[in-house]
C-alpha atoms as a PDB file:
ATOM      1  CA  MET A   1      69.931  18.745  -5.801  1.00  0.00           C
ATOM      2  CA  ALA A   2      68.443  15.648  -4.323  1.00  0.00           C
ATOM      3  CA  GLY A   3      70.422  12.659  -5.509  1.00  0.00           C
ATOM      4  CA  LYS A   4      73.265  11.215  -7.498  1.00  0.00           C
ATOM      5  CA  ALA A   5      71.713  11.896 -10.913  1.00  0.00           C
ATOM      6  CA  ASP A   6      71.140  15.562 -10.072  1.00  0.00           C
ATOM      7  CA  ILE A   7      74.696  16.003  -8.808  1.00  0.00           C
ATOM      8  CA  VAL A   8      76.210  14.188 -11.801  1.00  0.00           C
ATOM      9  CA  ASP A   9      74.122  16.288 -14.217  1.00  0.00           C
ATOM     10  CA  ARG A  10      75.128  19.541 -12.532  1.00  0.00           C
ATOM     11  CA  ILE A  11      78.857  18.694 -12.472  1.00  0.00           C
ATOM     12  CA  ALA A  12      78.735  17.592 -16.117  1.00  0.00           C
ATOM     13  CA  ASP A  13      77.021  20.875 -17.061  1.00  0.00           C
ATOM     14  CA  LEU A  14      79.553  22.982 -15.154  1.00  0.00           C
ATOM     15  CA  THR A  15      82.693  21.170 -16.321  1.00  0.00           C
ATOM     16  CA  GLY A  16      81.799  19.854 -19.754  1.00  0.00           C
ATOM     17  CA  PHE A  17      82.977  16.366 -18.786  1.00  0.00           C
ATOM     18  CA  PRO A  18      80.884  13.419 -19.993  1.00  0.00           C
ATOM     19  CA  LYS A  19      78.287  12.208 -17.507  1.00  0.00           C
ATOM     20  CA  THR A  20      79.804   8.716 -17.555  1.00  0.00           C
ATOM     21  CA  GLN A  21      83.159  10.054 -16.315  1.00  0.00           C
ATOM     22  CA  VAL A  22      81.475  12.231 -13.693  1.00  0.00           C
ATOM     23  CA  ALA A  23      79.378   9.285 -12.473  1.00  0.00           C
ATOM     24  CA  LEU A  24      82.484   7.077 -12.250  1.00  0.00           C
ATOM     25  CA  SER A  25      84.302   9.769 -10.245  1.00  0.00           C
ATOM     26  CA  TYR A  26      81.276  10.183  -7.967  1.00  0.00           C
ATOM     27  CA  ASP A  27      81.081   6.426  -7.315  1.00  0.00           C
ATOM     28  CA  THR A  28      84.831   6.176  -6.740  1.00  0.00           C
ATOM     29  CA  LEU A  29      84.839   9.106  -4.305  1.00  0.00           C
ATOM     30  CA  PHE A  30      82.161   7.629  -2.079  1.00  0.00           C
ATOM     31  CA  GLU A  31      83.654   4.147  -2.298  1.00  0.00           C
ATOM     32  CA  LEU A  32      86.974   5.546  -1.020  1.00  0.00           C
ATOM     33  CA  VAL A  33      85.224   7.466   1.763  1.00  0.00           C
ATOM     34  CA  GLY A  34      83.424   4.273   2.807  1.00  0.00           C
ATOM     35  CA  GLU A  35      86.646   2.258   2.774  1.00  0.00           C
ATOM     36  CA  ALA A  36      88.440   4.825   4.917  1.00  0.00           C
ATOM     37  CA  LEU A  37      85.604   4.940   7.440  1.00  0.00           C
ATOM     38  CA  ALA A  38      85.445   1.126   7.542  1.00  0.00           C
ATOM     39  CA  VAL A  39      89.020   0.978   8.850  1.00  0.00           C
ATOM     40  CA  GLY A  40      88.405   3.756  11.371  1.00  0.00           C
ATOM     41  CA  GLU A  41      89.989   6.688   9.566  1.00  0.00           C
ATOM     42  CA  LYS A  42      88.586  10.199   9.744  1.00  0.00           C
ATOM     43  CA  VAL A  43      87.718  11.685   6.336  1.00  0.00           C
ATOM     44  CA  SER A  44      88.030  15.469   6.025  1.00  0.00           C
ATOM     45  CA  VAL A  45      86.681  17.365   3.022  1.00  0.00           C
ATOM     46  CA  PRO A  46      88.092  20.919   3.051  1.00  0.00           C
ATOM     47  CA  ASN A  47      85.445  23.659   3.204  1.00  0.00           C
ATOM     48  CA  PHE A  48      82.727  21.023   3.680  1.00  0.00           C
ATOM     49  CA  GLY A  49      83.273  18.979   6.841  1.00  0.00           C
ATOM     50  CA  ALA A  50      84.554  15.763   8.355  1.00  0.00           C
ATOM     51  CA  PHE A  51      83.177  12.242   8.639  1.00  0.00           C
ATOM     52  CA  GLN A  52      84.250   9.861  11.361  1.00  0.00           C
ATOM     53  CA  ILE A  53      83.103   6.695  13.095  1.00  0.00           C
ATOM     54  CA  SER A  54      81.483   7.062  16.497  1.00  0.00           C
ATOM     55  CA  GLU A  55      80.848   4.169  18.848  1.00  0.00           C
ATOM     56  CA  ARG A  56      77.650   3.854  20.837  1.00  0.00           C
ATOM     57  CA  ALA A  57      77.837   1.875  24.067  1.00  0.00           C
ATOM     58  CA  ALA A  58      75.360  -0.878  24.894  1.00  0.00           C
ATOM     59  CA  ARG A  59      72.410   0.416  26.896  1.00  0.00           C
ATOM     60  CA  GLN A  60      69.059  -0.513  28.328  1.00  0.00           C
ATOM     61  CA  GLY A  61      65.899   0.389  26.446  1.00  0.00           C
ATOM     62  CA  ARG A  62      62.216  -0.478  26.379  1.00  0.00           C
ATOM     63  CA  ASN A  63      60.129  -2.280  23.814  1.00  0.00           C
ATOM     64  CA  PRO A  64      57.402   0.307  23.142  1.00  0.00           C
ATOM     65  CA  ALA A  65      54.822  -2.362  22.332  1.00  0.00           C
ATOM     66  CA  THR A  66      55.222  -4.419  25.516  1.00  0.00           C
ATOM     67  CA  GLY A  67      57.097  -2.141  27.900  1.00  0.00           C
ATOM     68  CA  GLU A  68      59.645  -4.931  28.391  1.00  0.00           C
ATOM     69  CA  THR A  69      63.222  -3.896  29.212  1.00  0.00           C
ATOM     70  CA  ILE A  70      65.669  -4.884  26.499  1.00  0.00           C
ATOM     71  CA  THR A  71      69.404  -4.546  25.980  1.00  0.00           C
ATOM     72  CA  ILE A  72      70.387  -2.487  22.956  1.00  0.00           C
ATOM     73  CA  ARG A  73      73.703  -3.716  21.573  1.00  0.00           C
ATOM     74  CA  ALA A  74      76.757  -1.521  21.156  1.00  0.00           C
ATOM     75  CA  SER A  75      77.059  -0.168  17.618  1.00  0.00           C
ATOM     76  CA  LYS A  76      79.071   2.089  15.360  1.00  0.00           C
ATOM     77  CA  THR A  77      77.714   4.985  13.337  1.00  0.00           C
ATOM     78  CA  VAL A  78      79.049   7.682  11.031  1.00  0.00           C
ATOM     79  CA  ARG A  79      79.103  11.221  12.378  1.00  0.00           C
ATOM     80  CA  PHE A  80      79.419  14.347  10.272  1.00  0.00           C
ATOM     81  CA  LYS A  81      80.779  17.634  11.552  1.00  0.00           C
ATOM     82  CA  PRO A  82      80.285  20.541   9.136  1.00  0.00           C
ATOM     83  CA  SER A  83      83.164  22.949   8.520  1.00  0.00           C
ATOM     84  CA  LYS A  84      82.974  26.586   9.522  1.00  0.00           C
ATOM     85  CA  ASN A  85      82.664  27.560   5.851  1.00  0.00           C
ATOM     86  CA  LEU A  86      79.647  25.293   5.384  1.00  0.00           C
ATOM     87  CA  LYS A  87      78.010  26.637   8.542  1.00  0.00           C
ATOM     88  CA  ASP A  88      78.556  30.199   7.336  1.00  0.00           C
ATOM     89  CA  GLN A  89      76.840  29.429   4.016  1.00  0.00           C
ATOM     90  CA  MET A  90      73.651  28.455   5.808  1.00  0.00           C
END
């Protein structure tokens, strides 16, 4: 499975639900996950893992083209920590 269409097709095949309902559920799920992360909440998916926001501090870096020292701004990113069950499947 590579993308949304593949996942929607597979779920529709397994459950017998129409693809339109599966696609709506898929979109709604990830919209809710995004909303929760946007306000700083941790999102845990049992037997899969947890998503949470991580903050990166500002730091010094170098422009690879010129070698000039630059300041890289502080930023936020999403981190994923797989569950034990997911790790065991691999």
